[in-house]
């Protein structure tokens, strides 16, 4: 005889909202992936500017990777719980 478990109900609207959020993150992720190709190589920049831009880009790119993975994991959990 086990303890009674509460049944959690997840609204379909919650799932759709999370899915929309995930799609937006994926869109930004794809956009950022191609950003280096849009940087004009003919413009003379100081090495410090190039390094700063590269570091900022890397932080944003890695953060988006983490957010996408977390959102996808959360969505999977919600879907399995329904």
C-alpha atoms as a PDB file:
ATOM      1  CA  UNK A   1       0.000   0.000   0.000  1.00  0.00           C
ATOM      2  CA  UNK A   2       1.643   3.162  -1.225  1.00  0.00           C
ATOM      3  CA  UNK A   3       0.973   6.772  -0.580  1.00  0.00           C
ATOM      4  CA  UNK A   4      -1.478   8.524  -2.821  1.00  0.00           C
ATOM      5  CA  UNK A   5       0.275  10.709  -5.371  1.00  0.00           C
ATOM      6  CA  UNK A   6      -1.141  14.013  -6.453  1.00  0.00           C
ATOM      7  CA  UNK A   7      -1.897  14.263 -10.110  1.00  0.00           C
ATOM      8  CA  UNK A   8      -0.439  17.382 -11.708  1.00  0.00           C
ATOM      9  CA  UNK A   9      -2.331  18.867 -14.570  1.00  0.00           C
ATOM     10  CA  UNK A  10      -0.459  20.930 -17.089  1.00  0.00           C
ATOM     11  CA  UNK A  11      -2.472  23.167 -19.309  1.00  0.00           C
ATOM     12  CA  UNK A  12      -2.070  22.771 -23.015  1.00  0.00           C
ATOM     13  CA  UNK A  13      -1.667  26.551 -23.240  1.00  0.00           C
ATOM     14  CA  UNK A  14       1.406  26.293 -20.971  1.00  0.00           C
ATOM     15  CA  UNK A  15       2.933  23.764 -23.323  1.00  0.00           C
ATOM     16  CA  UNK A  16       2.217  25.955 -26.354  1.00  0.00           C
ATOM     17  CA  UNK A  17       3.733  29.009 -24.657  1.00  0.00           C
ATOM     18  CA  UNK A  18       6.884  27.101 -23.796  1.00  0.00           C
ATOM     19  CA  UNK A  19       7.106  25.743 -27.323  1.00  0.00           C
ATOM     20  CA  UNK A  20       6.818  29.297 -28.707  1.00  0.00           C
ATOM     21  CA  UNK A  21       9.577  30.425 -26.360  1.00  0.00           C
ATOM     22  CA  UNK A  22      11.776  27.552 -27.496  1.00  0.00           C
ATOM     23  CA  UNK A  23      11.219  28.448 -31.155  1.00  0.00           C
ATOM     24  CA  UNK A  24      12.223  32.054 -30.469  1.00  0.00           C
ATOM     25  CA  UNK A  25      15.406  30.923 -28.759  1.00  0.00           C
ATOM     26  CA  UNK A  26      16.241  28.634 -31.660  1.00  0.00           C
ATOM     27  CA  UNK A  27      15.700  31.495 -34.096  1.00  0.00           C
ATOM     28  CA  UNK A  28      18.101  33.742 -32.186  1.00  0.00           C
ATOM     29  CA  UNK A  29      20.555  30.878 -31.866  1.00  0.00           C
ATOM     30  CA  UNK A  30      20.560  30.342 -35.624  1.00  0.00           C
ATOM     31  CA  UNK A  31      20.936  34.048 -36.251  1.00  0.00           C
ATOM     32  CA  UNK A  32      23.874  34.369 -33.891  1.00  0.00           C
ATOM     33  CA  UNK A  33      25.528  31.330 -35.429  1.00  0.00           C
ATOM     34  CA  UNK A  34      25.824  33.185 -38.736  1.00  0.00           C
ATOM     35  CA  UNK A  35      26.700  36.608 -37.330  1.00  0.00           C
ATOM     36  CA  UNK A  36      30.454  36.325 -37.953  1.00  0.00           C
ATOM     37  CA  UNK A  37      29.755  36.062 -41.679  1.00  0.00           C
ATOM     38  CA  UNK A  38      27.948  39.395 -41.584  1.00  0.00           C
ATOM     39  CA  UNK A  39      30.807  41.239 -39.961  1.00  0.00           C
ATOM     40  CA  UNK A  40      32.635  43.276 -42.518  1.00  0.00           C
ATOM     41  CA  UNK A  41      36.206  42.018 -42.689  1.00  0.00           C
ATOM     42  CA  UNK A  42      37.229  45.081 -44.697  1.00  0.00           C
ATOM     43  CA  UNK A  43      36.570  47.464 -41.809  1.00  0.00           C
ATOM     44  CA  UNK A  44      39.720  48.140 -39.845  1.00  0.00           C
ATOM     45  CA  UNK A  45      39.208  47.439 -36.166  1.00  0.00           C
ATOM     46  CA  UNK A  46      41.548  47.596 -33.243  1.00  0.00           C
ATOM     47  CA  UNK A  47      42.528  44.194 -31.836  1.00  0.00           C
ATOM     48  CA  UNK A  48      40.889  45.087 -28.506  1.00  0.00           C
ATOM     49  CA  UNK A  49      37.549  45.736 -30.278  1.00  0.00           C
ATOM     50  CA  UNK A  50      37.740  42.458 -32.148  1.00  0.00           C
ATOM     51  CA  UNK A  51      38.588  40.549 -28.962  1.00  0.00           C
ATOM     52  CA  UNK A  52      35.779  42.226 -26.978  1.00  0.00           C
ATOM     53  CA  UNK A  53      33.218  41.457 -29.683  1.00  0.00           C
ATOM     54  CA  UNK A  54      34.375  37.863 -29.936  1.00  0.00           C
ATOM     55  CA  UNK A  55      34.109  37.365 -26.175  1.00  0.00           C
ATOM     56  CA  UNK A  56      30.632  38.926 -25.994  1.00  0.00           C
ATOM     57  CA  UNK A  57      29.472  36.826 -28.918  1.00  0.00           C
ATOM     58  CA  UNK A  58      30.760  33.644 -27.301  1.00  0.00           C
ATOM     59  CA  UNK A  59      29.006  34.377 -23.996  1.00  0.00           C
ATOM     60  CA  UNK A  60      25.688  35.069 -25.733  1.00  0.00           C
ATOM     61  CA  UNK A  61      26.026  32.007 -27.945  1.00  0.00           C
ATOM     62  CA  UNK A  62      26.790  29.682 -25.026  1.00  0.00           C
ATOM     63  CA  UNK A  63      23.982  31.194 -22.947  1.00  0.00           C
ATOM     64  CA  UNK A  64      21.480  30.581 -25.722  1.00  0.00           C
ATOM     65  CA  UNK A  65      22.678  26.981 -26.014  1.00  0.00           C
ATOM     66  CA  UNK A  66      22.009  26.514 -22.306  1.00  0.00           C
ATOM     67  CA  UNK A  67      18.595  28.202 -22.476  1.00  0.00           C
ATOM     68  CA  UNK A  68      17.521  26.092 -25.424  1.00  0.00           C
ATOM     69  CA  UNK A  69      18.563  22.882 -23.701  1.00  0.00           C
ATOM     70  CA  UNK A  70      16.767  23.891 -20.494  1.00  0.00           C
ATOM     71  CA  UNK A  71      13.582  24.908 -22.299  1.00  0.00           C
ATOM     72  CA  UNK A  72      13.590  21.706 -24.328  1.00  0.00           C
ATOM     73  CA  UNK A  73      14.072  19.632 -21.191  1.00  0.00           C
ATOM     74  CA  UNK A  74      11.247  21.505 -19.449  1.00  0.00           C
ATOM     75  CA  UNK A  75       8.935  21.004 -22.400  1.00  0.00           C
ATOM     76  CA  UNK A  76       9.681  17.287 -22.492  1.00  0.00           C
ATOM     77  CA  UNK A  77       8.895  17.037 -18.768  1.00  0.00           C
ATOM     78  CA  UNK A  78       5.614  18.886 -19.244  1.00  0.00           C
ATOM     79  CA  UNK A  79       4.573  16.710 -22.172  1.00  0.00           C
ATOM     80  CA  UNK A  80       5.394  13.499 -20.310  1.00  0.00           C
ATOM     81  CA  UNK A  81       3.447  14.684 -17.255  1.00  0.00           C
ATOM     82  CA  UNK A  82       0.222  15.099 -19.212  1.00  0.00           C
END
